[in-house]
Every structure is written in C-alpha cells, then in structure tokens.
Amino acid sequence: MPVSGSSDSPFLSVVVPAFNEAGKIAKDLGILFDYFDAQPYTTELIVVDDGSTDATHEVLASLQG
C-alpha cells in the first residue's frame, strides 16, 4: 500500500526527538523496530538528536544500518 510517488516511499514515517537519551535510546528504538517489522507496510524511522551532551549520537550511529 505505497503512498503516492515512488514505490520506494515509506507508507509510515515516524520522527523521534532525542536529547540525552544514551542510556535508553537503543532499547526504545528496538521496541519500535520490532513493531515496524511486524507490519505489512513500509516504514522509516527518523531520529533527531539536537545537541545532546551525552553519548546519544554515538549510540545512534552504532544502530544505523
């Protein structure tokens, strides 16, 4: 069930804001990944890290596939 436009377009896009979430972001995103994997439509997850002072950026970089 693609949206209008390219067949590569995701059906659902989710934007997650993150600020100093290094201690829990991997677990939280894992829950979202599991949910998305169970859906019959294409999805994308966009995480926005706006100036975290902890290791949030490094954790997100390690999860990027």
Protein backbone atom coordinates (compact mmCIF):
# COMPACT_ATOMS: atom_id res chain seq x y z
CA MET A 1 0.00 0.00 0.00
CA PRO A 2 2.50 2.68 -1.10
CA VAL A 3 1.80 6.37 -0.76
CA SER A 4 1.67 8.50 -3.87
CA GLY A 5 5.02 8.97 -5.53
CA SER A 6 7.82 6.48 -5.77
CA SER A 7 7.22 2.85 -4.88
CA ASP A 8 10.24 3.24 -2.58
CA SER A 9 8.36 5.78 -0.46
CA PRO A 10 7.53 4.56 3.04
CA PHE A 11 3.88 4.24 4.00
CA LEU A 12 4.63 5.48 7.52
CA SER A 13 7.36 7.84 8.73
CA VAL A 14 7.96 8.33 12.44
CA VAL A 15 10.13 11.13 13.84
CA VAL A 16 11.59 10.60 17.30
CA PRO A 17 13.20 13.56 19.07
CA ALA A 18 16.12 12.63 21.32
CA PHE A 19 18.04 14.65 23.88
CA ASN A 20 20.49 12.97 26.27
CA GLU A 21 18.94 9.54 25.75
CA ALA A 22 22.13 7.45 25.52
CA GLY A 23 21.09 5.24 28.42
CA LYS A 24 17.77 4.16 26.91
CA ILE A 25 17.51 5.04 23.22
CA ALA A 26 18.71 1.63 21.96
CA LYS A 27 16.01 -0.19 23.96
CA ASP A 28 13.29 2.28 22.94
CA LEU A 29 14.19 2.10 19.25
CA GLY A 30 14.38 -1.69 19.47
CA ILE A 31 10.72 -1.73 20.52
CA LEU A 32 9.84 0.44 17.51
CA PHE A 33 11.91 -1.74 15.13
CA ASP A 34 10.12 -4.86 16.36
CA TYR A 35 6.74 -3.23 15.83
CA PHE A 36 7.65 -1.96 12.35
CA ASP A 37 8.99 -5.37 11.32
CA ALA A 38 5.60 -6.91 12.13
CA GLN A 39 3.69 -4.51 9.87
CA PRO A 40 2.68 -5.27 6.27
CA TYR A 41 3.71 -1.81 5.05
CA THR A 42 6.98 0.04 4.60
CA THR A 43 8.20 2.33 7.36
CA GLU A 44 11.00 4.71 8.14
CA LEU A 45 12.28 5.97 11.45
CA ILE A 46 13.93 9.37 11.72
CA VAL A 47 15.69 10.19 14.99
CA VAL A 48 16.57 13.84 15.61
CA ASP A 49 19.34 14.49 18.13
CA ASP A 50 19.51 18.21 18.77
CA GLY A 51 22.58 18.90 20.85
CA SER A 52 22.77 16.02 23.31
CA THR A 53 25.75 16.32 25.64
CA ASP A 54 25.94 12.60 26.41
CA ALA A 55 26.71 9.71 24.03
CA THR A 56 23.31 9.74 22.28
CA HIS A 57 24.92 10.47 18.91
CA GLU A 58 27.37 7.60 19.26
CA VAL A 59 24.63 5.16 20.28
CA LEU A 60 22.50 6.21 17.29
CA ALA A 61 25.48 5.85 14.95
CA SER A 62 26.05 2.30 16.20
CA LEU A 63 22.40 1.41 15.45
CA GLN A 64 22.39 2.84 11.96
CA GLY A 65 22.14 0.09 9.41
